[in-house]
Every structure is written in C-alpha cells, then in structure tokens.
Amino acid sequence: MLSNEKIKWMTRAALYEKKEGKGSIRINRFRKSDYISWNMIKSIVGVTAGYALVVLLYLLGISESVLDELTLPYVIGIVERFLFVYLVLLVITGFVSFLIYYGRYQQAQKKTKMYVQYLRKISHIYQKEGEGAKGDYLS
C-alpha cells in the first residue's frame, strides 16, 4: 500500500541515487586512508610527468646556451635548481591533494549517511505495513 510518507522517502532516496549516489557510494567503498593516499599518488605522478615535460621543453629551448657554457658547476647548478623546484612542487601538491581528497571523502560520508537514513526510514515504514498486514490476517 502506498502512503505519502513512504513516497516522500522513496523519492528522496531516488533523487540521491540519481544525482550524487554514484560518486559518493564509489568513494565510500574505500577506507579513508586508502582513498586519500591513492588520489595523492595519482596527483603526484601527474605533477611529476608535467614537470618533466616542462623541464624537457625548457632544456630544448636553452640547449644552445647550455652547450656553450657546459661546465660541471653550471650543470650542477641547473640540476640543483630543478630539483629544488620539483621538491617544493611535490610538497605543495601533496598538501593540496590531501586537503581536497580529505574534504571530498568527508562530504561523501555525510551524503551517504543521509542516504542510509532514507533507506532506514523506508525499511521502517515497510516493517510497520508488514505488521499491520499480519494483524489483519489474524482477525
């Protein structure tokens, strides 16, 4: 039997599933530390690849001047600067990635908790209806 309360909660649950359910449920399949660390690793790998391409393009652009001044202290100086910038970039990327993915996980947990509450209310309504139907048969 349909009731307004059951329809209300089922509609909310269906809207959640359609709008946000796929992402939140997918995120909540992971433990928090696994989700955050996996996405931080992906971010760091992406930044590393991008930085390597930028360094390669930079070195190709200045290749003539580097070849003209090719001395060991000059090469060591360039490598030190590239490594310093890379390490700073990694620290910043790691910190920002942590904040972003920690926030996303927290939001997904909150949204999934709301969805679970919807399902519990629907289940409770079904249990009430089931008890009422059993009582009707016994009378």
N, C-alpha and C. Protein backbone atom coordinates (compact mmCIF):
# COMPACT_ATOMS: atom_id res chain seq x y z
N MET A 1 0.84 -1.17 0.00
CA MET A 1 0.00 0.00 0.00
C MET A 1 0.89 1.24 0.00
N LEU A 2 0.51 2.24 -0.76
CA LEU A 2 1.28 3.46 -0.85
C LEU A 2 0.82 4.47 0.19
N SER A 3 1.78 5.10 0.80
CA SER A 3 1.46 6.17 1.73
C SER A 3 2.30 7.38 1.33
N ASN A 4 1.84 8.55 1.73
CA ASN A 4 2.57 9.77 1.39
C ASN A 4 3.97 9.78 2.00
N GLU A 5 4.08 9.28 3.21
CA GLU A 5 5.38 9.27 3.88
C GLU A 5 6.36 8.35 3.14
N LYS A 6 5.89 7.18 2.74
CA LYS A 6 6.76 6.25 2.02
C LYS A 6 7.18 6.84 0.67
N ILE A 7 6.24 7.47 -0.01
CA ILE A 7 6.55 8.08 -1.31
C ILE A 7 7.58 9.20 -1.14
N LYS A 8 7.45 9.98 -0.08
CA LYS A 8 8.37 11.08 0.18
C LYS A 8 9.80 10.54 0.36
N TRP A 9 9.96 9.52 1.20
CA TRP A 9 11.29 8.99 1.48
C TRP A 9 11.85 8.24 0.28
N MET A 10 11.01 7.56 -0.47
CA MET A 10 11.48 6.85 -1.66
C MET A 10 11.93 7.84 -2.74
N THR A 11 11.22 8.96 -2.84
CA THR A 11 11.60 10.00 -3.80
C THR A 11 12.94 10.60 -3.43
N ARG A 12 13.14 10.88 -2.14
CA ARG A 12 14.42 11.43 -1.69
C ARG A 12 15.56 10.46 -1.98
N ALA A 13 15.32 9.18 -1.71
CA ALA A 13 16.36 8.17 -1.96
C ALA A 13 16.66 8.07 -3.45
N ALA A 14 15.63 8.10 -4.28
CA ALA A 14 15.84 8.01 -5.73
C ALA A 14 16.59 9.23 -6.26
N LEU A 15 16.25 10.41 -5.76
CA LEU A 15 16.96 11.62 -6.18
C LEU A 15 18.42 11.56 -5.78
N TYR A 16 18.68 11.08 -4.58
CA TYR A 16 20.07 10.94 -4.15
C TYR A 16 20.83 10.00 -5.08
N GLU A 17 20.23 8.84 -5.36
CA GLU A 17 20.89 7.86 -6.23
C GLU A 17 21.17 8.45 -7.60
N LYS A 18 20.25 9.23 -8.12
CA LYS A 18 20.40 9.78 -9.46
C LYS A 18 21.44 10.91 -9.49
N LYS A 19 21.40 11.81 -8.52
CA LYS A 19 22.26 12.98 -8.54
C LYS A 19 23.65 12.70 -7.99
N GLU A 20 23.74 12.17 -6.80
CA GLU A 20 25.03 12.09 -6.12
C GLU A 20 25.43 10.69 -5.73
N GLY A 21 24.56 9.76 -5.88
CA GLY A 21 24.80 8.43 -5.36
C GLY A 21 26.00 7.72 -5.95
N LYS A 22 26.19 7.83 -7.25
CA LYS A 22 27.28 7.10 -7.89
C LYS A 22 28.63 7.52 -7.32
N GLY A 23 28.87 8.81 -7.25
CA GLY A 23 30.15 9.30 -6.76
C GLY A 23 30.37 9.02 -5.30
N SER A 24 29.39 9.30 -4.47
CA SER A 24 29.53 9.12 -3.03
C SER A 24 29.66 7.65 -2.66
N ILE A 25 28.87 6.82 -3.28
CA ILE A 25 28.94 5.39 -2.97
C ILE A 25 30.27 4.82 -3.45
N ARG A 26 30.75 5.28 -4.60
CA ARG A 26 32.04 4.82 -5.11
C ARG A 26 33.16 5.22 -4.16
N ILE A 27 33.12 6.46 -3.67
CA ILE A 27 34.15 6.93 -2.75
C ILE A 27 34.11 6.16 -1.44
N ASN A 28 32.91 5.89 -0.94
CA ASN A 28 32.78 5.23 0.35
C ASN A 28 33.11 3.74 0.31
N ARG A 29 33.38 3.20 -0.86
CA ARG A 29 33.84 1.82 -0.92
C ARG A 29 35.26 1.69 -0.38
N PHE A 30 36.00 2.79 -0.37
CA PHE A 30 37.37 2.81 0.12
C PHE A 30 37.42 3.20 1.58
N ARG A 31 38.48 2.77 2.26
CA ARG A 31 38.76 3.35 3.57
C ARG A 31 39.32 4.74 3.33
N LYS A 32 39.17 5.60 4.33
CA LYS A 32 39.59 6.99 4.15
C LYS A 32 41.06 7.09 3.76
N SER A 33 41.93 6.39 4.47
CA SER A 33 43.36 6.50 4.19
C SER A 33 43.69 5.97 2.79
N ASP A 34 43.02 4.90 2.36
CA ASP A 34 43.27 4.36 1.02
C ASP A 34 42.83 5.34 -0.06
N TYR A 35 41.66 5.92 0.11
CA TYR A 35 41.14 6.87 -0.88
C TYR A 35 42.06 8.08 -1.00
N ILE A 36 42.45 8.64 0.15
CA ILE A 36 43.27 9.85 0.13
C ILE A 36 44.65 9.54 -0.43
N SER A 37 45.29 8.46 0.03
CA SER A 37 46.64 8.16 -0.44
C SER A 37 46.66 7.81 -1.92
N TRP A 38 45.68 7.05 -2.40
CA TRP A 38 45.63 6.69 -3.83
C TRP A 38 45.52 7.95 -4.69
N ASN A 39 44.66 8.87 -4.30
CA ASN A 39 44.48 10.08 -5.09
C ASN A 39 45.67 11.02 -4.96
N MET A 40 46.33 11.03 -3.81
CA MET A 40 47.55 11.82 -3.68
C MET A 40 48.64 11.27 -4.59
N ILE A 41 48.76 9.94 -4.66
CA ILE A 41 49.75 9.33 -5.54
C ILE A 41 49.46 9.69 -7.00
N LYS A 42 48.18 9.62 -7.39
CA LYS A 42 47.83 10.00 -8.76
C LYS A 42 48.20 11.46 -9.05
N SER A 43 47.94 12.33 -8.09
CA SER A 43 48.27 13.75 -8.28
C SER A 43 49.77 13.96 -8.41
N ILE A 44 50.53 13.28 -7.56
CA ILE A 44 51.98 13.43 -7.59
C ILE A 44 52.57 12.88 -8.89
N VAL A 45 52.04 11.76 -9.35
CA VAL A 45 52.52 11.21 -10.63
C VAL A 45 52.19 12.17 -11.77
N GLY A 46 51.00 12.75 -11.75
CA GLY A 46 50.63 13.71 -12.79
C GLY A 46 51.50 14.95 -12.77
N VAL A 47 51.79 15.46 -11.58
CA VAL A 47 52.64 16.64 -11.47
C VAL A 47 54.07 16.31 -11.90
N THR A 48 54.53 15.11 -11.56
CA THR A 48 55.88 14.69 -11.96
C THR A 48 55.98 14.62 -13.48
N ALA A 49 54.99 14.03 -14.13
CA ALA A 49 55.00 13.93 -15.59
C ALA A 49 54.96 15.33 -16.22
N GLY A 50 54.10 16.18 -15.71
CA GLY A 50 54.01 17.54 -16.23
C GLY A 50 55.30 18.32 -16.03
N TYR A 51 55.90 18.18 -14.85
CA TYR A 51 57.15 18.89 -14.57
C TYR A 51 58.27 18.38 -15.47
N ALA A 52 58.30 17.07 -15.69
CA ALA A 52 59.33 16.50 -16.57
C ALA A 52 59.18 17.07 -17.98
N LEU A 53 57.95 17.20 -18.46
CA LEU A 53 57.74 17.78 -19.79
C LEU A 53 58.16 19.25 -19.84
N VAL A 54 57.85 20.00 -18.81
CA VAL A 54 58.23 21.41 -18.77
C VAL A 54 59.75 21.55 -18.75
N VAL A 55 60.42 20.72 -17.94
CA VAL A 55 61.89 20.77 -17.88
C VAL A 55 62.48 20.39 -19.23
N LEU A 56 61.93 19.38 -19.86
CA LEU A 56 62.42 18.96 -21.17
C LEU A 56 62.27 20.08 -22.20
N LEU A 57 61.10 20.71 -22.22
CA LEU A 57 60.89 21.82 -23.15
C LEU A 57 61.82 22.99 -22.84
N TYR A 58 62.03 23.26 -21.57
CA TYR A 58 62.94 24.34 -21.18
C TYR A 58 64.36 24.04 -21.64
N LEU A 59 64.80 22.80 -21.40
CA LEU A 59 66.15 22.43 -21.80
C LEU A 59 66.32 22.46 -23.32
N LEU A 60 65.28 22.08 -24.05
CA LEU A 60 65.35 22.16 -25.50
C LEU A 60 65.43 23.62 -25.96
N GLY A 61 64.76 24.48 -25.24
CA GLY A 61 64.76 25.90 -25.61
C GLY A 61 66.08 26.58 -25.34
N ILE A 62 66.78 26.16 -24.32
CA ILE A 62 68.05 26.80 -23.99
C ILE A 62 69.24 25.91 -24.32
N SER A 63 69.04 24.93 -25.15
CA SER A 63 70.09 23.94 -25.42
C SER A 63 71.37 24.57 -25.99
N GLU A 64 71.24 25.59 -26.83
CA GLU A 64 72.44 26.22 -27.40
C GLU A 64 73.25 26.92 -26.35
N SER A 65 72.58 27.67 -25.47
CA SER A 65 73.34 28.39 -24.44
C SER A 65 73.93 27.42 -23.42
N VAL A 66 73.26 26.31 -23.17
CA VAL A 66 73.80 25.32 -22.24
C VAL A 66 75.03 24.66 -22.84
N LEU A 67 75.00 24.35 -24.11
CA LEU A 67 76.14 23.72 -24.75
C LEU A 67 77.34 24.66 -24.81
N ASP A 68 77.09 25.96 -24.97
CA ASP A 68 78.18 26.93 -25.00
C ASP A 68 78.85 27.07 -23.63
N GLU A 69 78.08 26.97 -22.55
CA GLU A 69 78.61 27.16 -21.19
C GLU A 69 78.68 25.85 -20.42
N LEU A 70 78.84 24.76 -21.09
CA LEU A 70 78.78 23.44 -20.47
C LEU A 70 80.02 23.20 -19.59
N THR A 71 79.81 23.46 -18.31
CA THR A 71 80.82 23.14 -17.31
C THR A 71 80.13 22.39 -16.19
N LEU A 72 80.91 21.67 -15.43
CA LEU A 72 80.33 20.87 -14.36
C LEU A 72 79.59 21.72 -13.32
N PRO A 73 80.18 22.82 -12.84
CA PRO A 73 79.42 23.65 -11.87
C PRO A 73 78.13 24.22 -12.44
N TYR A 74 78.14 24.56 -13.73
CA TYR A 74 76.92 25.09 -14.36
C TYR A 74 75.83 24.03 -14.43
N VAL A 75 76.18 22.81 -14.82
CA VAL A 75 75.21 21.72 -14.90
C VAL A 75 74.69 21.37 -13.51
N ILE A 76 75.58 21.32 -12.53
CA ILE A 76 75.16 21.01 -11.15
C ILE A 76 74.21 22.10 -10.64
N GLY A 77 74.48 23.35 -10.95
CA GLY A 77 73.60 24.45 -10.54
C GLY A 77 72.20 24.32 -11.14
N ILE A 78 72.14 23.98 -12.42
CA ILE A 78 70.84 23.80 -13.08
C ILE A 78 70.08 22.64 -12.46
N VAL A 79 70.77 21.53 -12.25
CA VAL A 79 70.13 20.35 -11.67
C VAL A 79 69.63 20.65 -10.26
N GLU A 80 70.43 21.36 -9.48
CA GLU A 80 70.01 21.72 -8.11
C GLU A 80 68.74 22.58 -8.13
N ARG A 81 68.70 23.55 -9.03
CA ARG A 81 67.50 24.40 -9.12
C ARG A 81 66.27 23.61 -9.54
N PHE A 82 66.44 22.73 -10.53
CA PHE A 82 65.31 21.90 -10.96
C PHE A 82 64.82 21.00 -9.84
N LEU A 83 65.75 20.39 -9.11
CA LEU A 83 65.36 19.51 -8.00
C LEU A 83 64.68 20.29 -6.88
N PHE A 84 65.19 21.48 -6.57
CA PHE A 84 64.57 22.29 -5.52
C PHE A 84 63.14 22.67 -5.90
N VAL A 85 62.95 23.13 -7.11
CA VAL A 85 61.61 23.49 -7.58
C VAL A 85 60.70 22.27 -7.57
N TYR A 86 61.23 21.12 -8.00
CA TYR A 86 60.45 19.88 -8.03
C TYR A 86 60.02 19.47 -6.62
N LEU A 87 60.93 19.53 -5.67
CA LEU A 87 60.58 19.15 -4.30
C LEU A 87 59.55 20.09 -3.69
N VAL A 88 59.70 21.38 -3.94
CA VAL A 88 58.70 22.34 -3.45
C VAL A 88 57.35 22.06 -4.09
N LEU A 89 57.37 21.79 -5.38
CA LEU A 89 56.13 21.47 -6.10
C LEU A 89 55.48 20.21 -5.55
N LEU A 90 56.28 19.19 -5.22
CA LEU A 90 55.74 17.95 -4.65
C LEU A 90 55.11 18.19 -3.29
N VAL A 91 55.75 18.98 -2.46
CA VAL A 91 55.20 19.26 -1.13
C VAL A 91 53.88 20.00 -1.25
N ILE A 92 53.84 20.99 -2.10
CA ILE A 92 52.61 21.76 -2.29
C ILE A 92 51.51 20.87 -2.87
N THR A 93 51.86 20.07 -3.87
CA THR A 93 50.88 19.17 -4.48
C THR A 93 50.34 18.17 -3.47
N GLY A 94 51.23 17.58 -2.68
CA GLY A 94 50.80 16.62 -1.67
C GLY A 94 49.86 17.24 -0.66
N PHE A 95 50.19 18.43 -0.19
CA PHE A 95 49.36 19.11 0.82
C PHE A 95 47.99 19.47 0.24
N VAL A 96 47.99 20.07 -0.93
CA VAL A 96 46.72 20.47 -1.55
C VAL A 96 45.88 19.25 -1.89
N SER A 97 46.51 18.20 -2.40
CA SER A 97 45.77 16.97 -2.72
C SER A 97 45.16 16.37 -1.47
N PHE A 98 45.93 16.35 -0.39
CA PHE A 98 45.39 15.82 0.86
C PHE A 98 44.15 16.59 1.29
N LEU A 99 44.22 17.90 1.25
CA LEU A 99 43.08 18.72 1.67
C LEU A 99 41.86 18.48 0.78
N ILE A 100 42.08 18.43 -0.52
CA ILE A 100 40.97 18.24 -1.46
C ILE A 100 40.32 16.89 -1.26
N TYR A 101 41.11 15.82 -1.24
CA TYR A 101 40.53 14.48 -1.18
C TYR A 101 40.01 14.14 0.22
N TYR A 102 40.59 14.75 1.24
CA TYR A 102 40.03 14.58 2.59
C TYR A 102 38.63 15.21 2.64
N GLY A 103 38.51 16.40 2.07
CA GLY A 103 37.20 17.07 2.03
C GLY A 103 36.19 16.31 1.21
N ARG A 104 36.61 15.78 0.08
CA ARG A 104 35.69 15.01 -0.76
C ARG A 104 35.21 13.75 -0.03
N TYR A 105 36.11 13.11 0.69
CA TYR A 105 35.72 11.89 1.41
C TYR A 105 34.73 12.23 2.53
N GLN A 106 35.00 13.31 3.23
CA GLN A 106 34.09 13.73 4.31
C GLN A 106 32.70 14.04 3.75
N GLN A 107 32.65 14.77 2.64
CA GLN A 107 31.36 15.10 2.03
C GLN A 107 30.63 13.84 1.58
N ALA A 108 31.37 12.91 0.99
CA ALA A 108 30.74 11.66 0.54
C ALA A 108 30.18 10.88 1.72
N GLN A 109 30.89 10.88 2.83
CA GLN A 109 30.40 10.18 4.01
C GLN A 109 29.11 10.81 4.53
N LYS A 110 29.07 12.14 4.58
CA LYS A 110 27.86 12.82 5.05
C LYS A 110 26.68 12.50 4.15
N LYS A 111 26.92 12.56 2.85
CA LYS A 111 25.83 12.31 1.90
C LYS A 111 25.36 10.86 1.97
N THR A 112 26.29 9.95 2.14
CA THR A 112 25.92 8.54 2.22
C THR A 112 25.16 8.26 3.52
N LYS A 113 25.52 8.93 4.59
CA LYS A 113 24.78 8.77 5.85
C LYS A 113 23.33 9.22 5.69
N MET A 114 23.12 10.32 4.96
CA MET A 114 21.75 10.76 4.70
C MET A 114 20.99 9.70 3.91
N TYR A 115 21.64 9.13 2.91
CA TYR A 115 21.02 8.10 2.08
C TYR A 115 20.65 6.87 2.92
N VAL A 116 21.55 6.48 3.81
CA VAL A 116 21.27 5.34 4.69
C VAL A 116 20.08 5.65 5.60
N GLN A 117 19.98 6.88 6.06
CA GLN A 117 18.82 7.27 6.87
C GLN A 117 17.53 7.16 6.07
N TYR A 118 17.57 7.58 4.81
CA TYR A 118 16.39 7.44 3.96
C TYR A 118 15.99 5.97 3.85
N LEU A 119 16.97 5.11 3.61
CA LEU A 119 16.67 3.69 3.45
C LEU A 119 16.13 3.08 4.75
N ARG A 120 16.66 3.52 5.88
CA ARG A 120 16.17 3.01 7.17
C ARG A 120 14.71 3.44 7.40
N LYS A 121 14.40 4.67 7.04
CA LYS A 121 13.03 5.13 7.22
C LYS A 121 12.08 4.36 6.30
N ILE A 122 12.52 4.10 5.08
CA ILE A 122 11.69 3.31 4.17
C ILE A 122 11.51 1.90 4.72
N SER A 123 12.58 1.32 5.22
CA SER A 123 12.51 -0.03 5.80
C SER A 123 11.57 -0.05 7.00
N HIS A 124 11.64 0.97 7.82
CA HIS A 124 10.77 1.07 9.00
C HIS A 124 9.30 1.14 8.57
N ILE A 125 9.04 1.91 7.52
CA ILE A 125 7.66 2.01 7.01
C ILE A 125 7.19 0.65 6.52
N TYR A 126 8.05 -0.06 5.79
CA TYR A 126 7.68 -1.39 5.30
C TYR A 126 7.42 -2.36 6.47
N GLN A 127 8.23 -2.24 7.51
CA GLN A 127 8.02 -3.11 8.68
C GLN A 127 6.68 -2.82 9.35
N LYS A 128 6.36 -1.53 9.45
CA LYS A 128 5.05 -1.16 10.03
C LYS A 128 3.91 -1.73 9.19
N GLU A 129 4.04 -1.59 7.87
CA GLU A 129 3.00 -2.11 6.98
C GLU A 129 2.90 -3.63 7.08
N GLY A 130 4.04 -4.29 7.22
CA GLY A 130 4.04 -5.73 7.34
C GLY A 130 3.38 -6.19 8.62
N GLU A 131 3.61 -5.47 9.71
CA GLU A 131 2.98 -5.82 10.98
C GLU A 131 1.48 -5.58 10.92
N GLY A 132 1.08 -4.51 10.25
CA GLY A 132 -0.35 -4.22 10.11
C GLY A 132 -1.04 -5.27 9.27
N ALA A 133 -0.36 -5.75 8.25
CA ALA A 133 -0.96 -6.76 7.37
C ALA A 133 -1.09 -8.09 8.10
N LYS A 134 -0.12 -8.42 8.95
CA LYS A 134 -0.20 -9.67 9.71
C LYS A 134 -1.37 -9.62 10.67
N GLY A 135 -1.56 -8.45 11.27
CA GLY A 135 -2.66 -8.31 12.22
C GLY A 135 -4.01 -8.45 11.53
N ASP A 136 -4.10 -7.98 10.27
CA ASP A 136 -5.36 -8.09 9.53
C ASP A 136 -5.71 -9.55 9.25
N TYR A 137 -4.71 -10.36 8.98
CA TYR A 137 -4.97 -11.75 8.66
C TYR A 137 -5.40 -12.54 9.90
N LEU A 138 -4.93 -12.13 11.05
CA LEU A 138 -5.25 -12.87 12.27
C LEU A 138 -6.65 -12.55 12.78
N SER A 139 -7.21 -11.45 12.39
CA SER A 139 -8.53 -11.06 12.91
C SER A 139 -9.66 -11.86 12.33
